Amino acid sequence: MFKNTYLKTEWRDEILELLNTRPVNIKYEDIAKVTKLHKNWLSMFARGRITHPSVNAMNTLHDYLVEQMNSKNDKSI
């Protein structure tokens, strides 16, 4: 049994911060189109209304946001 609840939510909170601090030009509509996560779900998650999101949703959202952040920071292109 997993006893440390802080570790269980740490990853979720990191993804929540990525979502809430993303560049303003990355809209929920853009995220939803690529990730297949509904924009209402994204909005609710961003406001902390979804406290136990699925691992699949978190993986998908994390991968998309990290890819977008990295492409925005890549000055060599």
PDB file of N, CA and C in Angstrom:
ATOM      1  N   MET A   1       0.845  -1.182   0.000  1.00  0.00           N
ATOM      2  CA  MET A   1       0.000   0.000   0.000  1.00  0.00           C
ATOM      3  C   MET A   1       0.892   1.249   0.000  1.00  0.00           C
ATOM      4  N   PHE A   2       0.516   2.230  -0.767  1.00  0.00           N
ATOM      5  CA  PHE A   2       1.263   3.483  -0.879  1.00  0.00           C
ATOM      6  C   PHE A   2       0.807   4.412   0.224  1.00  0.00           C
ATOM      7  N   LYS A   3       1.709   4.784   1.116  1.00  0.00           N
ATOM      8  CA  LYS A   3       1.317   5.564   2.293  1.00  0.00           C
ATOM      9  C   LYS A   3       1.617   7.045   2.205  1.00  0.00           C
ATOM     10  N   ASN A   4       2.534   7.449   1.326  1.00  0.00           N
ATOM     11  CA  ASN A   4       2.912   8.856   1.271  1.00  0.00           C
ATOM     12  C   ASN A   4       2.047   9.579   0.244  1.00  0.00           C
ATOM     13  N   THR A   5       0.962  10.200   0.697  1.00  0.00           N
ATOM     14  CA  THR A   5       0.033  10.868  -0.222  1.00  0.00           C
ATOM     15  C   THR A   5       0.652  12.099  -0.866  1.00  0.00           C
ATOM     16  N   TYR A   6       1.663  12.699  -0.249  1.00  0.00           N
ATOM     17  CA  TYR A   6       2.320  13.859  -0.857  1.00  0.00           C
ATOM     18  C   TYR A   6       2.941  13.470  -2.192  1.00  0.00           C
ATOM     19  N   LEU A   7       3.622  12.343  -2.220  1.00  0.00           N
ATOM     20  CA  LEU A   7       4.245  11.907  -3.467  1.00  0.00           C
ATOM     21  C   LEU A   7       3.214  11.578  -4.531  1.00  0.00           C
ATOM     22  N   LYS A   8       2.069  11.084  -4.133  1.00  0.00           N
ATOM     23  CA  LYS A   8       1.024  10.745  -5.087  1.00  0.00           C
ATOM     24  C   LYS A   8       0.482  11.977  -5.792  1.00  0.00           C
ATOM     25  N   THR A   9       0.488  13.108  -5.135  1.00  0.00           N
ATOM     26  CA  THR A   9      -0.083  14.317  -5.727  1.00  0.00           C
ATOM     27  C   THR A   9       0.972  15.271  -6.279  1.00  0.00           C
ATOM     28  N   GLU A  10       2.229  15.016  -5.977  1.00  0.00           N
ATOM     29  CA  GLU A  10       3.292  15.914  -6.414  1.00  0.00           C
ATOM     30  C   GLU A  10       3.338  16.032  -7.939  1.00  0.00           C
ATOM     31  N   TRP A  11       3.228  14.929  -8.634  1.00  0.00           N
ATOM     32  CA  TRP A  11       3.267  14.931 -10.098  1.00  0.00           C
ATOM     33  C   TRP A  11       2.053  15.661 -10.665  1.00  0.00           C
ATOM     34  N   ARG A  12       0.873  15.391 -10.094  1.00  0.00           N
ATOM     35  CA  ARG A  12      -0.346  16.081 -10.525  1.00  0.00           C
ATOM     36  C   ARG A  12      -0.175  17.588 -10.360  1.00  0.00           C
ATOM     37  N   ASP A  13       0.359  18.017  -9.245  1.00  0.00           N
ATOM     38  CA  ASP A  13       0.536  19.441  -8.979  1.00  0.00           C
ATOM     39  C   ASP A  13       1.544  20.073  -9.939  1.00  0.00           C
ATOM     40  N   GLU A  14       2.573  19.323 -10.305  1.00  0.00           N
ATOM     41  CA  GLU A  14       3.546  19.823 -11.279  1.00  0.00           C
ATOM     42  C   GLU A  14       2.875  20.050 -12.637  1.00  0.00           C
ATOM     43  N   ILE A  15       2.036  19.117 -13.045  1.00  0.00           N
ATOM     44  CA  ILE A  15       1.327  19.254 -14.320  1.00  0.00           C
ATOM     45  C   ILE A  15       0.325  20.395 -14.243  1.00  0.00           C
ATOM     46  N   LEU A  16      -0.326  20.539 -13.115  1.00  0.00           N
ATOM     47  CA  LEU A  16      -1.261  21.646 -12.904  1.00  0.00           C
ATOM     48  C   LEU A  16      -0.539  22.983 -13.044  1.00  0.00           C
ATOM     49  N   GLU A  17       0.658  23.076 -12.491  1.00  0.00           N
ATOM     50  CA  GLU A  17       1.439  24.309 -12.614  1.00  0.00           C
ATOM     51  C   GLU A  17       1.851  24.556 -14.073  1.00  0.00           C
ATOM     52  N   LEU A  18       2.251  23.496 -14.775  1.00  0.00           N
ATOM     53  CA  LEU A  18       2.583  23.647 -16.202  1.00  0.00           C
ATOM     54  C   LEU A  18       1.390  24.189 -16.977  1.00  0.00           C
ATOM     55  N   LEU A  19       0.211  23.644 -16.693  1.00  0.00           N
ATOM     56  CA  LEU A  19      -0.996  24.082 -17.396  1.00  0.00           C
ATOM     57  C   LEU A  19      -1.307  25.542 -17.081  1.00  0.00           C
ATOM     58  N   ASN A  20      -1.189  25.921 -15.824  1.00  0.00           N
ATOM     59  CA  ASN A  20      -1.562  27.275 -15.415  1.00  0.00           C
ATOM     60  C   ASN A  20      -0.507  28.330 -15.737  1.00  0.00           C
ATOM     61  N   THR A  21       0.695  27.908 -16.063  1.00  0.00           N
ATOM     62  CA  THR A  21       1.744  28.877 -16.407  1.00  0.00           C
ATOM     63  C   THR A  21       2.179  28.748 -17.869  1.00  0.00           C
ATOM     64  N   ARG A  22       1.401  28.040 -18.660  1.00  0.00           N
ATOM     65  CA  ARG A  22       1.728  27.878 -20.086  1.00  0.00           C
ATOM     66  C   ARG A  22       1.672  29.237 -20.783  1.00  0.00           C
ATOM     67  N   PRO A  23       2.352  29.367 -21.906  1.00  0.00           N
ATOM     68  CA  PRO A  23       2.258  30.616 -22.672  1.00  0.00           C
ATOM     69  C   PRO A  23       0.804  30.904 -23.066  1.00  0.00           C
ATOM     70  N   VAL A  24       0.453  32.170 -23.089  1.00  0.00           N
ATOM     71  CA  VAL A  24      -0.941  32.551 -23.365  1.00  0.00           C
ATOM     72  C   VAL A  24      -1.414  32.148 -24.757  1.00  0.00           C
ATOM     73  N   ASN A  25      -0.490  31.911 -25.664  1.00  0.00           N
ATOM     74  CA  ASN A  25      -0.904  31.531 -27.010  1.00  0.00           C
ATOM     75  C   ASN A  25      -1.257  30.041 -27.121  1.00  0.00           C
ATOM     76  N   ILE A  26      -1.059  29.275 -26.063  1.00  0.00           N
ATOM     77  CA  ILE A  26      -1.486  27.871 -26.053  1.00  0.00           C
ATOM     78  C   ILE A  26      -2.849  27.828 -25.374  1.00  0.00           C
ATOM     79  N   LYS A  27      -3.883  27.736 -26.171  1.00  0.00           N
ATOM     80  CA  LYS A  27      -5.265  27.773 -25.694  1.00  0.00           C
ATOM     81  C   LYS A  27      -5.768  26.371 -25.355  1.00  0.00           C
ATOM     82  N   TYR A  28      -6.794  26.317 -24.519  1.00  0.00           N
ATOM     83  CA  TYR A  28      -7.420  25.031 -24.201  1.00  0.00           C
ATOM     84  C   TYR A  28      -7.870  24.315 -25.467  1.00  0.00           C
ATOM     85  N   GLU A  29      -8.356  25.063 -26.435  1.00  0.00           N
ATOM     86  CA  GLU A  29      -8.818  24.456 -27.687  1.00  0.00           C
ATOM     87  C   GLU A  29      -7.676  23.725 -28.394  1.00  0.00           C
ATOM     88  N   ASP A  30      -6.486  24.334 -28.389  1.00  0.00           N
ATOM     89  CA  ASP A  30      -5.307  23.712 -29.006  1.00  0.00           C
ATOM     90  C   ASP A  30      -4.919  22.442 -28.265  1.00  0.00           C
ATOM     91  N   ILE A  31      -4.905  22.531 -26.942  1.00  0.00           N
ATOM     92  CA  ILE A  31      -4.549  21.368 -26.125  1.00  0.00           C
ATOM     93  C   ILE A  31      -5.558  20.247 -26.350  1.00  0.00           C
ATOM     94  N   ALA A  32      -6.833  20.593 -26.334  1.00  0.00           N
ATOM     95  CA  ALA A  32      -7.888  19.593 -26.496  1.00  0.00           C
ATOM     96  C   ALA A  32      -7.805  18.898 -27.856  1.00  0.00           C
ATOM     97  N   LYS A  33      -7.524  19.663 -28.889  1.00  0.00           N
ATOM     98  CA  LYS A  33      -7.461  19.095 -30.231  1.00  0.00           C
ATOM     99  C   LYS A  33      -6.374  18.023 -30.332  1.00  0.00           C
ATOM    100  N   VAL A  34      -5.217  18.296 -29.770  1.00  0.00           N
ATOM    101  CA  VAL A  34      -4.085  17.374 -29.880  1.00  0.00           C
ATOM    102  C   VAL A  34      -4.191  16.222 -28.873  1.00  0.00           C
ATOM    103  N   THR A  35      -4.571  16.530 -27.648  1.00  0.00           N
ATOM    104  CA  THR A  35      -4.558  15.522 -26.586  1.00  0.00           C
ATOM    105  C   THR A  35      -5.836  14.701 -26.505  1.00  0.00           C
ATOM    106  N   LYS A  36      -6.906  15.197 -27.107  1.00  0.00           N
ATOM    107  CA  LYS A  36      -8.231  14.567 -27.010  1.00  0.00           C
ATOM    108  C   LYS A  36      -8.834  14.679 -25.606  1.00  0.00           C
ATOM    109  N   LEU A  37      -8.274  15.576 -24.790  1.00  0.00           N
ATOM    110  CA  LEU A  37      -8.876  15.893 -23.495  1.00  0.00           C
ATOM    111  C   LEU A  37      -9.845  17.045 -23.725  1.00  0.00           C
ATOM    112  N   HIS A  38     -11.046  16.925 -23.218  1.00  0.00           N
ATOM    113  CA  HIS A  38     -12.069  17.942 -23.448  1.00  0.00           C
ATOM    114  C   HIS A  38     -11.648  19.270 -22.816  1.00  0.00           C
ATOM    115  N   LYS A  39     -11.941  20.378 -23.488  1.00  0.00           N
ATOM    116  CA  LYS A  39     -11.520  21.680 -22.951  1.00  0.00           C
ATOM    117  C   LYS A  39     -12.203  21.998 -21.626  1.00  0.00           C
ATOM    118  N   ASN A  40     -13.415  21.497 -21.397  1.00  0.00           N
ATOM    119  CA  ASN A  40     -14.061  21.697 -20.091  1.00  0.00           C
ATOM    120  C   ASN A  40     -13.318  20.941 -18.997  1.00  0.00           C
ATOM    121  N   TRP A  41     -12.807  19.755 -19.322  1.00  0.00           N
ATOM    122  CA  TRP A  41     -12.015  18.991 -18.371  1.00  0.00           C
ATOM    123  C   TRP A  41     -10.742  19.767 -18.031  1.00  0.00           C
ATOM    124  N   LEU A  42     -10.088  20.306 -19.061  1.00  0.00           N
ATOM    125  CA  LEU A  42      -8.869  21.093 -18.854  1.00  0.00           C
ATOM    126  C   LEU A  42      -9.127  22.287 -17.940  1.00  0.00           C
ATOM    127  N   SER A  43     -10.225  22.978 -18.183  1.00  0.00           N
ATOM    128  CA  SER A  43     -10.587  24.129 -17.370  1.00  0.00           C
ATOM    129  C   SER A  43     -10.842  23.725 -15.920  1.00  0.00           C
ATOM    130  N   MET A  44     -11.583  22.647 -15.737  1.00  0.00           N
ATOM    131  CA  MET A  44     -11.873  22.181 -14.377  1.00  0.00           C
ATOM    132  C   MET A  44     -10.597  21.723 -13.674  1.00  0.00           C
ATOM    133  N   PHE A  45      -9.725  21.033 -14.388  1.00  0.00           N
ATOM    134  CA  PHE A  45      -8.463  20.593 -13.793  1.00  0.00           C
ATOM    135  C   PHE A  45      -7.612  21.799 -13.406  1.00  0.00           C
ATOM    136  N   ALA A  46      -7.550  22.793 -14.284  1.00  0.00           N
ATOM    137  CA  ALA A  46      -6.750  23.996 -14.024  1.00  0.00           C
ATOM    138  C   ALA A  46      -7.225  24.744 -12.781  1.00  0.00           C
ATOM    139  N   ARG A  47      -8.515  24.661 -12.492  1.00  0.00           N
ATOM    140  CA  ARG A  47      -9.066  25.348 -11.309  1.00  0.00           C
ATOM    141  C   ARG A  47      -9.048  24.480 -10.064  1.00  0.00           C
ATOM    142  N   GLY A  48      -8.489  23.260 -10.182  1.00  0.00           N
ATOM    143  CA  GLY A  48      -8.417  22.374  -9.024  1.00  0.00           C
ATOM    144  C   GLY A  48      -9.689  21.625  -8.739  1.00  0.00           C
ATOM    145  N   ARG A  49     -10.605  21.584  -9.691  1.00  0.00           N
ATOM    146  CA  ARG A  49     -11.896  20.910  -9.486  1.00  0.00           C
ATOM    147  C   ARG A  49     -11.799  19.407  -9.738  1.00  0.00           C
ATOM    148  N   ILE A  50     -10.720  18.944 -10.370  1.00  0.00           N
ATOM    149  CA  ILE A  50     -10.504  17.511 -10.594  1.00  0.00           C
ATOM    150  C   ILE A  50      -9.287  17.130  -9.760  1.00  0.00           C
ATOM    151  N   THR A  51      -9.538  16.466  -8.645  1.00  0.00           N
ATOM    152  CA  THR A  51      -8.458  16.177  -7.713  1.00  0.00           C
ATOM    153  C   THR A  51      -7.805  14.822  -7.960  1.00  0.00           C
ATOM    154  N   HIS A  52      -8.467  13.937  -8.662  1.00  0.00           N
ATOM    155  CA  HIS A  52      -7.925  12.607  -8.923  1.00  0.00           C
ATOM    156  C   HIS A  52      -8.018  12.278 -10.414  1.00  0.00           C
ATOM    157  N   PRO A  53      -7.251  12.985 -11.238  1.00  0.00           N
ATOM    158  CA  PRO A  53      -7.290  12.716 -12.680  1.00  0.00           C
ATOM    159  C   PRO A  53      -6.640  11.370 -12.992  1.00  0.00           C
ATOM    160  N   SER A  54      -6.993  10.809 -14.127  1.00  0.00           N
ATOM    161  CA  SER A  54      -6.420   9.517 -14.500  1.00  0.00           C
ATOM    162  C   SER A  54      -4.947   9.662 -14.866  1.00  0.00           C
ATOM    163  N   VAL A  55      -4.226   8.588 -14.707  1.00  0.00           N
ATOM    164  CA  VAL A  55      -2.815   8.569 -15.071  1.00  0.00           C
ATOM    165  C   VAL A  55      -2.663   8.825 -16.570  1.00  0.00           C
ATOM    166  N   ASN A  56      -3.547   8.258 -17.367  1.00  0.00           N
ATOM    167  CA  ASN A  56      -3.475   8.470 -18.818  1.00  0.00           C
ATOM    168  C   ASN A  56      -3.651   9.942 -19.174  1.00  0.00           C
ATOM    169  N   ALA A  57      -4.611  10.600 -18.554  1.00  0.00           N
ATOM    170  CA  ALA A  57      -4.831  12.022 -18.820  1.00  0.00           C
ATOM    171  C   ALA A  57      -3.606  12.834 -18.405  1.00  0.00           C
ATOM    172  N   MET A  58      -3.025  12.500 -17.252  1.00  0.00           N
ATOM    173  CA  MET A  58      -1.855  13.223 -16.769  1.00  0.00           C
ATOM    174  C   MET A  58      -0.653  13.010 -17.693  1.00  0.00           C
ATOM    175  N   ASN A  59      -0.438  11.770 -18.128  1.00  0.00           N
ATOM    176  CA  ASN A  59       0.656  11.493 -19.064  1.00  0.00           C
ATOM    177  C   ASN A  59       0.494  12.292 -20.344  1.00  0.00           C
ATOM    178  N   THR A  60      -0.701  12.259 -20.893  1.00  0.00           N
ATOM    179  CA  THR A  60      -0.991  12.946 -22.145  1.00  0.00           C
ATOM    180  C   THR A  60      -0.777  14.449 -22.006  1.00  0.00           C
ATOM    181  N   LEU A  61      -1.341  15.023 -20.964  1.00  0.00           N
ATOM    182  CA  LEU A  61      -1.232  16.467 -20.750  1.00  0.00           C
ATOM    183  C   LEU A  61       0.215  16.873 -20.480  1.00  0.00           C
ATOM    184  N   HIS A  62       0.901  16.127 -19.653  1.00  0.00           N
ATOM    185  CA  HIS A  62       2.303  16.415 -19.347  1.00  0.00           C
ATOM    186  C   HIS A  62       3.145  16.406 -20.617  1.00  0.00           C
ATOM    187  N   ASP A  63       3.023  15.341 -21.406  1.00  0.00           N
ATOM    188  CA  ASP A  63       3.830  15.220 -22.619  1.00  0.00           C
ATOM    189  C   ASP A  63       3.564  16.370 -23.583  1.00  0.00           C
ATOM    190  N   TYR A  64       2.307  16.739 -23.744  1.00  0.00           N
ATOM    191  CA  TYR A  64       1.960  17.845 -24.646  1.00  0.00           C
ATOM    192  C   TYR A  64       2.550  19.164 -24.142  1.00  0.00           C
ATOM    193  N   LEU A  65       2.350  19.465 -22.867  1.00  0.00           N
ATOM    194  CA  LEU A  65       2.813  20.741 -22.332  1.00  0.00           C
ATOM    195  C   LEU A  65       4.333  20.849 -22.357  1.00  0.00           C
ATOM    196  N   VAL A  66       5.022  19.781 -22.004  1.00  0.00           N
ATOM    197  CA  VAL A  66       6.488  19.807 -22.028  1.00  0.00           C
ATOM    198  C   VAL A  66       6.983  20.000 -23.455  1.00  0.00           C
ATOM    199  N   GLU A  67       6.365  19.299 -24.399  1.00  0.00           N
ATOM    200  CA  GLU A  67       6.759  19.460 -25.807  1.00  0.00           C
ATOM    201  C   GLU A  67       6.545  20.897 -26.278  1.00  0.00           C
ATOM    202  N   GLN A  68       5.421  21.493 -25.914  1.00  0.00           N
ATOM    203  CA  GLN A  68       5.133  22.866 -26.317  1.00  0.00           C
ATOM    204  C   GLN A  68       6.094  23.856 -25.663  1.00  0.00           C
ATOM    205  N   MET A  69       6.380  23.635 -24.381  1.00  0.00           N
ATOM    206  CA  MET A  69       7.305  24.531 -23.678  1.00  0.00           C
ATOM    207  C   MET A  69       8.703  24.431 -24.291  1.00  0.00           C
ATOM    208  N   ASN A  70       9.132  23.224 -24.605  1.00  0.00           N
ATOM    209  CA  ASN A  70      10.454  23.031 -25.192  1.00  0.00           C
ATOM    210  C   ASN A  70      10.535  23.644 -26.587  1.00  0.00           C
ATOM    211  N   SER A  71       9.482  23.534 -27.365  1.00  0.00           N
ATOM    212  CA  SER A  71       9.513  24.117 -28.710  1.00  0.00           C
ATOM    213  C   SER A  71       9.487  25.639 -28.651  1.00  0.00           C
ATOM    214  N   LYS A  72       8.862  26.207 -27.642  1.00  0.00           N
ATOM    215  CA  LYS A  72       8.842  27.666 -27.479  1.00  0.00           C
ATOM    216  C   LYS A  72      10.212  28.185 -27.044  1.00  0.00           C
ATOM    217  N   ASN A  73      10.952  27.356 -26.302  1.00  0.00           N
ATOM    218  CA  ASN A  73      12.259  27.762 -25.804  1.00  0.00           C
ATOM    219  C   ASN A  73      13.399  27.442 -26.764  1.00  0.00           C
ATOM    220  N   ASP A  74      13.116  26.708 -27.833  1.00  0.00           N
ATOM    221  CA  ASP A  74      14.146  26.315 -28.777  1.00  0.00           C
ATOM    222  C   ASP A  74      14.370  27.458 -29.772  1.00  0.00           C
ATOM    223  N   LYS A  75      15.459  28.155 -29.612  1.00  0.00           N
ATOM    224  CA  LYS A  75      15.758  29.328 -30.451  1.00  0.00           C
ATOM    225  C   LYS A  75      16.494  28.945 -31.738  1.00  0.00           C
ATOM    226  N   SER A  76      16.883  27.669 -31.864  1.00  0.00           N
ATOM    227  CA  SER A  76      17.697  27.265 -33.009  1.00  0.00           C
ATOM    228  C   SER A  76      16.874  27.053 -34.269  1.00  0.00           C
ATOM    229  N   ILE A  77      15.582  27.033 -34.151  1.00  0.00           N
ATOM    230  CA  ILE A  77      14.736  26.781 -35.339  1.00  0.00           C
ATOM    231  C   ILE A  77      14.394  28.069 -36.031  1.00  0.00           C
TER     232      ILE A  77
END
